[in-house]
Amino acid sequence: MDIQKIGDKTQVFLLNIPDNSISLFKNSSSNLEEEIIEKAQKRFREKIDTDLIPELQTENWKERTKSPLGMSDNGELFFDDSKIKTESPKRIDVYVSKKIIEINKKPWWKFW
């Protein structure tokens, strides 16, 4: 979802989408991704000077997460979303502070 670099440290932020939610992400746009990325960036800044996680420093992990991420060396994506049903696009807005989720809500100036 995002890559952030500060000095000699880099955060690669990935989102694992459960199988039963893939069609939702394919057929909608949302402000939720922006909020998630913002929180991840904040946590990275807060924890940038903490010790590295040993399990993420192994050669096996480094090999699994090297570029190109999510695709083979030949440019083939590991995940094929062509079999996911395409629906009419939805706009989902999540307002965490208000605890509100709005789906396809039109702005007040587009009600006619």
C-alpha atoms as a PDB file:
ATOM      1  CA  MET A   1       0.000   0.000   0.000  1.00  0.00           C
ATOM      2  CA  ASP A   2       2.872   2.352   0.754  1.00  0.00           C
ATOM      3  CA  ILE A   3       6.643   2.711   0.914  1.00  0.00           C
ATOM      4  CA  GLN A   4       8.184   5.211   3.295  1.00  0.00           C
ATOM      5  CA  LYS A   5      11.883   6.019   3.699  1.00  0.00           C
ATOM      6  CA  ILE A   6      13.438   7.876   6.583  1.00  0.00           C
ATOM      7  CA  GLY A   7      17.223   8.038   6.555  1.00  0.00           C
ATOM      8  CA  ASP A   8      18.589   4.533   6.001  1.00  0.00           C
ATOM      9  CA  LYS A   9      15.325   2.800   7.011  1.00  0.00           C
ATOM     10  CA  THR A  10      12.439   1.831   4.764  1.00  0.00           C
ATOM     11  CA  GLN A  11       8.911   0.753   5.625  1.00  0.00           C
ATOM     12  CA  VAL A  12       7.084  -1.340   3.029  1.00  0.00           C
ATOM     13  CA  PHE A  13       3.469  -1.468   4.114  1.00  0.00           C
ATOM     14  CA  LEU A  14       1.442  -4.391   2.770  1.00  0.00           C
ATOM     15  CA  LEU A  15      -2.198  -5.290   3.253  1.00  0.00           C
ATOM     16  CA  ASN A  16      -3.311  -8.898   3.322  1.00  0.00           C
ATOM     17  CA  ILE A  17      -6.867  -8.974   2.013  1.00  0.00           C
ATOM     18  CA  PRO A  18      -8.912 -12.058   3.015  1.00  0.00           C
ATOM     19  CA  ASP A  19     -10.361 -14.017   0.083  1.00  0.00           C
ATOM     20  CA  ASN A  20     -13.932 -13.143   1.030  1.00  0.00           C
ATOM     21  CA  SER A  21     -13.160  -9.391   0.829  1.00  0.00           C
ATOM     22  CA  ILE A  22     -11.239  -9.227  -2.445  1.00  0.00           C
ATOM     23  CA  SER A  23     -14.304  -8.351  -4.554  1.00  0.00           C
ATOM     24  CA  LEU A  24     -15.102  -5.459  -2.207  1.00  0.00           C
ATOM     25  CA  PHE A  25     -11.629  -3.981  -2.717  1.00  0.00           C
ATOM     26  CA  LYS A  26     -11.750  -4.589  -6.485  1.00  0.00           C
ATOM     27  CA  ASN A  27     -15.162  -2.967  -6.931  1.00  0.00           C
ATOM     28  CA  SER A  28     -14.905   0.037  -4.648  1.00  0.00           C
ATOM     29  CA  SER A  29     -12.811   3.016  -3.719  1.00  0.00           C
ATOM     30  CA  SER A  30     -12.501   4.258  -0.175  1.00  0.00           C
ATOM     31  CA  ASN A  31     -10.798   6.711   2.110  1.00  0.00           C
ATOM     32  CA  LEU A  32     -10.054   3.782   4.426  1.00  0.00           C
ATOM     33  CA  GLU A  33      -6.779   3.000   2.649  1.00  0.00           C
ATOM     34  CA  GLU A  34      -5.585   6.565   3.264  1.00  0.00           C
ATOM     35  CA  GLU A  35      -6.376   6.313   6.975  1.00  0.00           C
ATOM     36  CA  ILE A  36      -4.603   2.962   7.282  1.00  0.00           C
ATOM     37  CA  ILE A  37      -1.524   4.310   5.475  1.00  0.00           C
ATOM     38  CA  GLU A  38      -1.479   7.428   7.651  1.00  0.00           C
ATOM     39  CA  LYS A  39      -1.529   5.306  10.827  1.00  0.00           C
ATOM     40  CA  ALA A  40       1.230   3.026   9.492  1.00  0.00           C
ATOM     41  CA  GLN A  41       3.408   6.020   8.636  1.00  0.00           C
ATOM     42  CA  LYS A  42       2.870   7.484  12.104  1.00  0.00           C
ATOM     43  CA  ARG A  43       3.813   4.200  13.815  1.00  0.00           C
ATOM     44  CA  PHE A  44       6.928   3.942  11.632  1.00  0.00           C
ATOM     45  CA  ARG A  45       8.039   7.433  12.696  1.00  0.00           C
ATOM     46  CA  GLU A  46       7.350   6.620  16.357  1.00  0.00           C
ATOM     47  CA  LYS A  47       9.245   3.310  16.285  1.00  0.00           C
ATOM     48  CA  ILE A  48      12.039   4.102  13.847  1.00  0.00           C
ATOM     49  CA  ASP A  49      14.763   3.856  16.497  1.00  0.00           C
ATOM     50  CA  THR A  50      13.614   0.608  18.121  1.00  0.00           C
ATOM     51  CA  ASP A  51      15.537  -2.641  17.627  1.00  0.00           C
ATOM     52  CA  LEU A  52      14.941  -4.571  14.405  1.00  0.00           C
ATOM     53  CA  ILE A  53      12.784  -7.704  14.593  1.00  0.00           C
ATOM     54  CA  PRO A  54      15.213 -10.657  14.293  1.00  0.00           C
ATOM     55  CA  GLU A  55      12.758 -12.851  12.338  1.00  0.00           C
ATOM     56  CA  LEU A  56      12.609 -10.186   9.624  1.00  0.00           C
ATOM     57  CA  GLN A  57      16.392 -10.078   9.247  1.00  0.00           C
ATOM     58  CA  THR A  58      16.851 -13.672   8.046  1.00  0.00           C
ATOM     59  CA  GLU A  59      18.053 -14.383   4.516  1.00  0.00           C
ATOM     60  CA  ASN A  60      14.836 -16.358   3.861  1.00  0.00           C
ATOM     61  CA  TRP A  61      12.654 -13.352   4.695  1.00  0.00           C
ATOM     62  CA  LYS A  62      14.844 -10.956   2.726  1.00  0.00           C
ATOM     63  CA  GLU A  63      14.633 -13.252  -0.307  1.00  0.00           C
ATOM     64  CA  ARG A  64      10.819 -13.475  -0.021  1.00  0.00           C
ATOM     65  CA  THR A  65      10.393  -9.707   0.219  1.00  0.00           C
ATOM     66  CA  LYS A  66      12.881  -8.475  -2.369  1.00  0.00           C
ATOM     67  CA  SER A  67      11.754  -6.618  -5.471  1.00  0.00           C
ATOM     68  CA  PRO A  68       9.657  -7.064  -7.489  1.00  0.00           C
ATOM     69  CA  LEU A  69       7.175  -7.632  -4.694  1.00  0.00           C
ATOM     70  CA  GLY A  70       4.004  -9.508  -5.670  1.00  0.00           C
ATOM     71  CA  MET A  71       5.290 -10.705  -9.019  1.00  0.00           C
ATOM     72  CA  SER A  72       7.779 -13.080 -10.540  1.00  0.00           C
ATOM     73  CA  ASP A  73      11.081 -11.952 -12.020  1.00  0.00           C
ATOM     74  CA  ASN A  74       9.305 -12.138 -15.404  1.00  0.00           C
ATOM     75  CA  GLY A  75       6.684  -9.566 -14.344  1.00  0.00           C
ATOM     76  CA  GLU A  76       3.864 -12.069 -13.825  1.00  0.00           C
ATOM     77  CA  LEU A  77       1.608 -11.173 -10.899  1.00  0.00           C
ATOM     78  CA  PHE A  78       1.292 -13.909  -8.269  1.00  0.00           C
ATOM     79  CA  PHE A  79      -2.390 -13.064  -7.834  1.00  0.00           C
ATOM     80  CA  ASP A  80      -4.749 -13.074 -10.826  1.00  0.00           C
ATOM     81  CA  ASP A  81      -7.807 -10.932 -10.119  1.00  0.00           C
ATOM     82  CA  SER A  82      -9.367 -11.516 -13.557  1.00  0.00           C
ATOM     83  CA  LYS A  83     -11.637 -14.230 -12.107  1.00  0.00           C
ATOM     84  CA  ILE A  84     -13.177 -11.893  -9.532  1.00  0.00           C
ATOM     85  CA  LYS A  85     -16.684 -10.763 -10.421  1.00  0.00           C
ATOM     86  CA  THR A  86     -16.779  -7.140 -11.552  1.00  0.00           C
ATOM     87  CA  GLU A  87     -19.637  -5.084 -10.156  1.00  0.00           C
ATOM     88  CA  SER A  88     -20.631  -1.451 -10.494  1.00  0.00           C
ATOM     89  CA  PRO A  89     -18.085   0.645  -8.581  1.00  0.00           C
ATOM     90  CA  LYS A  90     -18.964   1.767  -5.075  1.00  0.00           C
ATOM     91  CA  ARG A  91     -17.528   4.611  -3.032  1.00  0.00           C
ATOM     92  CA  ILE A  92     -17.118   3.775   0.650  1.00  0.00           C
ATOM     93  CA  ASP A  93     -16.190   6.548   3.056  1.00  0.00           C
ATOM     94  CA  VAL A  94     -15.194   5.628   6.587  1.00  0.00           C
ATOM     95  CA  TYR A  95     -15.184   8.302   9.280  1.00  0.00           C
ATOM     96  CA  VAL A  96     -13.487   6.758  12.288  1.00  0.00           C
ATOM     97  CA  SER A  97     -13.905   9.798  14.511  1.00  0.00           C
ATOM     98  CA  LYS A  98     -17.680   9.859  13.880  1.00  0.00           C
ATOM     99  CA  LYS A  99     -17.963   6.040  13.706  1.00  0.00           C
ATOM    100  CA  ILE A 100     -19.834   6.326  10.396  1.00  0.00           C
ATOM    101  CA  ILE A 101     -19.554   4.357   7.132  1.00  0.00           C
ATOM    102  CA  GLU A 102     -21.199   5.864   4.052  1.00  0.00           C
ATOM    103  CA  ILE A 103     -21.678   3.906   0.816  1.00  0.00           C
ATOM    104  CA  ASN A 104     -22.358   5.756  -2.453  1.00  0.00           C
ATOM    105  CA  LYS A 105     -23.521   8.861  -0.620  1.00  0.00           C
ATOM    106  CA  LYS A 106     -23.848  11.778  -3.005  1.00  0.00           C
ATOM    107  CA  PRO A 107     -22.711  15.235  -1.919  1.00  0.00           C
ATOM    108  CA  TRP A 108     -25.583  17.615  -1.094  1.00  0.00           C
ATOM    109  CA  TRP A 109     -25.008  19.584  -4.338  1.00  0.00           C
ATOM    110  CA  LYS A 110     -25.669  16.465  -6.482  1.00  0.00           C
ATOM    111  CA  PHE A 111     -29.120  15.513  -5.187  1.00  0.00           C
ATOM    112  CA  TRP A 112     -31.055  16.547  -8.301  1.00  0.00           C
END
